[in-house]
Protein backbone atom coordinates (compact mmCIF):
# COMPACT_ATOMS: atom_id res chain seq x y z
CA MET A 1 32.81 -107.14 57.66
CA ASP A 2 33.70 -103.44 57.89
CA LYS A 3 31.59 -102.84 61.01
CA PRO A 4 32.85 -103.99 64.44
CA ILE A 5 31.82 -107.56 65.15
CA SER A 6 30.31 -108.20 68.58
CA ILE A 7 28.90 -111.09 70.55
CA ALA A 8 26.70 -111.14 73.64
CA ILE A 9 26.72 -113.87 76.27
CA GLU A 10 23.78 -114.63 78.59
CA THR A 11 24.19 -117.38 81.20
CA SER A 12 22.74 -115.75 84.33
CA CYS A 13 19.72 -118.05 84.66
CA ARG A 14 18.51 -121.48 83.57
CA TYR A 15 18.05 -120.11 80.07
CA GLY A 16 21.15 -119.14 78.16
CA GLY A 17 22.05 -117.72 74.81
CA VAL A 18 24.48 -115.93 72.54
CA ALA A 19 23.97 -113.13 70.04
CA LEU A 20 26.01 -111.82 67.14
CA GLY A 21 26.05 -108.27 65.84
CA ALA A 22 27.86 -106.06 63.34
CA GLY A 23 27.98 -102.38 64.17
CA ASP A 24 24.48 -101.40 65.33
CA GLU A 25 22.83 -104.37 63.62
CA LEU A 26 21.82 -107.46 65.56
CA ILE A 27 22.47 -110.34 63.16
CA GLU A 28 21.39 -113.50 64.98
CA CYS A 29 20.50 -114.82 68.42
CA VAL A 30 20.73 -118.39 69.64
CA ALA A 31 18.93 -119.35 72.85
CA PHE A 32 19.24 -122.57 74.82
CA GLU A 33 17.90 -124.10 78.01
CA SER A 34 20.77 -125.79 79.70
CA ALA A 35 20.04 -126.32 83.40
CA ARG A 36 23.55 -127.00 84.72
CA ARG A 37 25.23 -127.44 81.35
CA HIS A 38 25.87 -123.79 80.51
CA ALA A 39 29.57 -124.41 79.82
CA VAL A 40 28.96 -127.10 77.21
CA GLN A 41 26.05 -125.27 75.60
CA LEU A 42 27.75 -121.87 75.54
CA VAL A 43 30.94 -122.98 73.87
CA ALA A 44 29.12 -125.18 71.35
CA ARG A 45 26.45 -122.61 70.42
CA LEU A 46 28.98 -119.80 70.14
CA ASP A 47 31.21 -121.87 67.87
CA GLU A 48 28.23 -122.80 65.68
CA LEU A 49 27.06 -119.19 65.49
CA LEU A 50 30.45 -117.90 64.37
CA ARG A 51 30.94 -120.71 61.86
CA ARG A 52 27.50 -120.09 60.37
CA HIS A 53 28.57 -116.55 59.54
CA LYS A 54 32.06 -117.60 58.43
CA LEU A 55 33.71 -115.98 61.43
CA GLU A 56 36.30 -117.03 63.97
CA ALA A 57 37.05 -115.79 67.46
CA LYS A 58 39.93 -113.71 66.09
CA ASP A 59 37.40 -111.71 64.03
CA LEU A 60 35.61 -110.41 67.12
CA ASP A 61 35.97 -106.79 68.22
CA GLU A 62 33.65 -106.63 71.24
CA VAL A 63 32.06 -109.04 73.73
CA TYR A 64 29.12 -108.13 75.97
CA VAL A 65 28.53 -110.40 78.97
CA SER A 66 25.60 -110.57 81.39
CA ALA A 67 27.24 -110.13 84.80
CA GLY A 68 24.41 -110.59 87.28
CA PRO A 69 22.77 -110.79 89.59
CA GLY A 70 21.89 -114.37 88.78
CA SER A 71 23.00 -117.99 89.06
CA PHE A 72 26.39 -118.41 90.72
CA THR A 73 27.52 -121.15 88.34
CA GLY A 74 25.97 -119.62 85.24
CA LEU A 75 27.51 -116.20 85.83
CA ARG A 76 30.92 -117.71 86.51
CA ILE A 77 30.81 -119.58 83.19
CA GLY A 78 29.77 -116.58 81.12
CA ILE A 79 32.30 -114.27 82.78
CA THR A 80 35.06 -116.87 82.37
CA VAL A 81 34.41 -117.26 78.63
CA ALA A 82 34.29 -113.48 78.15
CA GLY A 83 37.49 -113.07 80.13
CA VAL A 84 39.34 -115.76 78.20
CA LEU A 85 38.26 -114.25 74.88
CA THR A 86 39.39 -110.80 75.99
CA GLN A 87 42.79 -112.12 77.01
CA THR A 88 43.37 -114.28 73.93
CA VAL A 89 41.88 -112.25 71.06
CA ALA A 90 43.98 -109.24 70.15
CA ASP A 91 42.25 -105.87 70.74
CA LEU A 92 38.96 -107.50 71.83
CA ARG A 93 37.12 -105.24 74.28
CA CYS A 94 34.53 -106.30 76.86
CA VAL A 95 31.40 -104.65 78.23
CA VAL A 96 30.03 -105.95 81.53
CA VAL A 97 26.21 -105.78 81.30
CA PRO A 98 24.02 -105.60 84.44
CA THR A 99 21.52 -108.43 84.08
CA VAL A 100 18.64 -106.25 85.31
CA ASP A 101 19.25 -103.93 82.35
CA ALA A 102 18.98 -106.86 79.96
CA VAL A 103 15.71 -107.97 81.59
CA ALA A 104 14.32 -104.44 81.28
CA GLU A 105 14.96 -104.65 77.53
CA ASN A 106 12.22 -107.30 77.37
CA ALA A 107 9.72 -104.74 78.62
CA PHE A 108 10.83 -102.10 76.14
CA ASP A 109 10.72 -104.63 73.28
CA ALA A 110 7.17 -105.52 74.31
CA GLY A 111 6.14 -101.87 74.12
CA LEU A 112 5.67 -101.43 77.86
CA ASP A 113 6.31 -97.90 79.06
CA GLY A 114 6.16 -95.84 82.22
CA HIS A 115 7.87 -97.18 85.31
CA ILE A 116 9.40 -100.66 84.89
CA GLY A 117 10.63 -102.64 87.89
CA VAL A 118 13.00 -105.59 87.56
CA ILE A 119 12.89 -107.95 90.55
CA MET A 120 15.64 -110.49 91.33
CA ASP A 121 15.67 -112.97 94.21
CA ALA A 122 18.00 -112.14 97.12
CA GLY A 123 16.90 -114.74 99.63
CA ASP A 124 14.75 -113.06 102.29
CA SER A 125 14.95 -109.81 100.31
CA ILE A 126 14.84 -108.76 96.68
CA TYR A 127 17.23 -106.92 94.41
CA ALA A 128 15.20 -104.33 92.53
CA ALA A 129 15.92 -101.84 89.77
CA ILE A 130 13.48 -99.25 88.49
CA PHE A 131 13.59 -97.95 84.92
CA THR A 132 11.73 -95.13 83.22
CA ASN A 133 12.08 -94.85 79.44
CA THR A 134 15.25 -97.03 79.48
CA ASN A 135 16.85 -94.86 82.17
CA LYS A 136 17.67 -96.65 85.41
CA ALA A 137 16.66 -94.57 88.43
CA ASN A 138 17.20 -96.72 91.51
CA LYS A 139 18.62 -100.11 92.34
CA GLY A 140 19.43 -102.01 95.49
CA THR A 141 18.61 -104.82 97.91
CA VAL A 142 15.45 -104.27 99.94
CA THR A 143 12.56 -106.16 101.44
CA ALA A 144 9.55 -106.65 99.21
CA GLU A 145 7.53 -104.54 101.65
CA LYS A 146 9.89 -101.57 101.43
CA PHE A 147 10.00 -101.82 97.66
CA LEU A 148 6.20 -101.66 97.50
CA ALA A 149 6.16 -98.70 99.89
CA ASP A 150 8.75 -96.69 97.93
CA ALA A 151 8.16 -97.68 94.29
CA PRO A 152 6.42 -95.17 92.00
CA ARG A 153 2.96 -95.94 90.63
CA PRO A 154 1.80 -97.21 88.27
CA ILE A 155 4.62 -99.70 87.77
CA THR A 156 5.01 -102.90 85.74
CA LEU A 157 7.18 -105.63 87.24
CA LEU A 158 9.18 -108.41 85.65
CA GLY A 159 12.17 -110.54 86.63
CA GLU A 160 12.87 -114.02 87.95
CA GLY A 161 12.42 -112.83 91.54
CA LEU A 162 8.66 -112.69 90.98
CA GLY A 163 8.70 -116.47 91.06
CA TYR A 164 9.93 -116.37 94.67
CA HIS A 165 8.33 -113.25 96.13
CA GLN A 166 4.72 -112.11 96.09
CA ILE A 167 4.74 -108.43 95.18
CA THR A 168 1.28 -107.06 94.61
CA GLY A 169 -0.54 -103.85 95.38
CA GLU A 170 -2.48 -100.97 93.96
CA GLY A 171 -0.91 -99.67 90.77
CA VAL A 172 1.34 -102.75 90.43
CA THR A 173 1.09 -104.90 87.30
CA LEU A 174 3.05 -108.09 86.65
CA ALA A 175 4.33 -108.47 83.10
CA ASP A 176 3.77 -111.76 81.29
CA ALA A 177 6.08 -114.45 82.67
CA SER A 178 7.67 -114.85 79.23
CA LEU A 179 9.37 -111.48 79.83
CA TRP A 180 10.87 -112.27 83.22
CA PHE A 181 14.19 -113.76 82.14
CA PRO A 182 17.12 -112.07 80.36
CA ARG A 183 17.67 -112.83 76.68
CA PRO A 184 20.87 -112.65 74.63
CA GLU A 185 19.39 -109.96 72.38
CA GLY A 186 18.73 -107.80 75.45
CA VAL A 187 22.31 -108.27 76.61
CA TRP A 188 23.52 -107.33 73.14
CA ARG A 189 21.42 -104.15 72.92
CA VAL A 190 22.49 -102.92 76.35
CA GLY A 191 26.09 -103.88 75.61
CA ARG A 192 26.03 -102.06 72.30
CA ARG A 193 24.73 -98.87 73.91
CA LEU A 194 27.40 -99.01 76.60
CA ALA A 195 30.10 -99.74 74.01
CA SER A 196 29.04 -96.71 71.97
CA ARG A 197 29.69 -94.63 75.10
CA GLY A 198 33.09 -96.23 75.63
CA LYS A 199 32.04 -98.19 78.74
CA PHE A 200 34.55 -101.00 78.30
CA ALA A 201 35.82 -103.01 81.27
CA ARG A 202 39.41 -103.56 82.24
CA THR A 203 40.43 -107.18 82.71
CA ASP A 204 40.10 -106.89 86.50
CA GLN A 205 36.57 -105.50 86.09
CA ILE A 206 35.26 -108.53 84.20
CA ARG A 207 33.67 -110.23 87.17
CA PRO A 208 30.19 -111.34 88.24
CA PHE A 209 27.85 -109.55 90.63
CA TYR A 210 26.66 -112.02 93.27
CA LEU A 211 23.82 -110.95 95.57
CA ARG A 212 24.76 -113.42 98.27
CA ARG A 213 28.20 -111.89 98.86
CA PRO A 214 28.22 -109.59 101.92
CA ALA A 215 30.09 -106.88 99.99
CA ALA A 216 27.35 -106.72 97.39
CA GLU A 217 25.11 -104.51 99.49
CA ASP A 218 27.97 -102.12 100.29
CA ALA A 219 28.95 -101.86 96.63
CA PHE A 220 25.50 -101.48 95.12
CA GLY A 221 23.47 -99.93 97.92
CA SER A 222 21.46 -101.55 100.68
CA GLN A 223 18.13 -100.04 99.67
CA LEU A 224 16.36 -98.04 97.04
CA ALA A 225 17.05 -94.34 97.30
């Protein structure tokens, strides 16, 4: 293929998947539900996907990986595979994709507009990101109460954190639960946009974002601005 070949990796939650693209065209997505078997599923599905299109790892130009927040084990597996590919395939470049951005893609694909809030579980708090027309305005770890007090209205919410936290109020709508989890096609679309802007990660930047780590709040903000 003349266009750059890219793959996307999603392993941040109990659902996983891989996607293949050429240039700005998304060619195929493969989703799987793996529970704790992300490693086995990811390697097998990725190999099958490449073989189906008569490709090998050496043919890849870019890899986009969902980096969190999300499952500790799942993120580690996806990041590890992306890192190994980047180190072993000549000239392969990596884009680290915020998982909340990939989740927001579900809303845009579904035709939802206005303010979109992605909610992830952070124990006693939530990690929230607000998007308007694909642009991310605010993100951070806050209590559900503070999020509701500060969030713009009307707003549509999605994200796996809605399964753990009750966030309701005037002007707040919950998207269908089928849109709450990241998908490989969402990771690919976000990754492709970032790649087109040259947002590639150095090897030391290919790492997961864990909410439970104390440094996470310092690095990403302790509350919504």
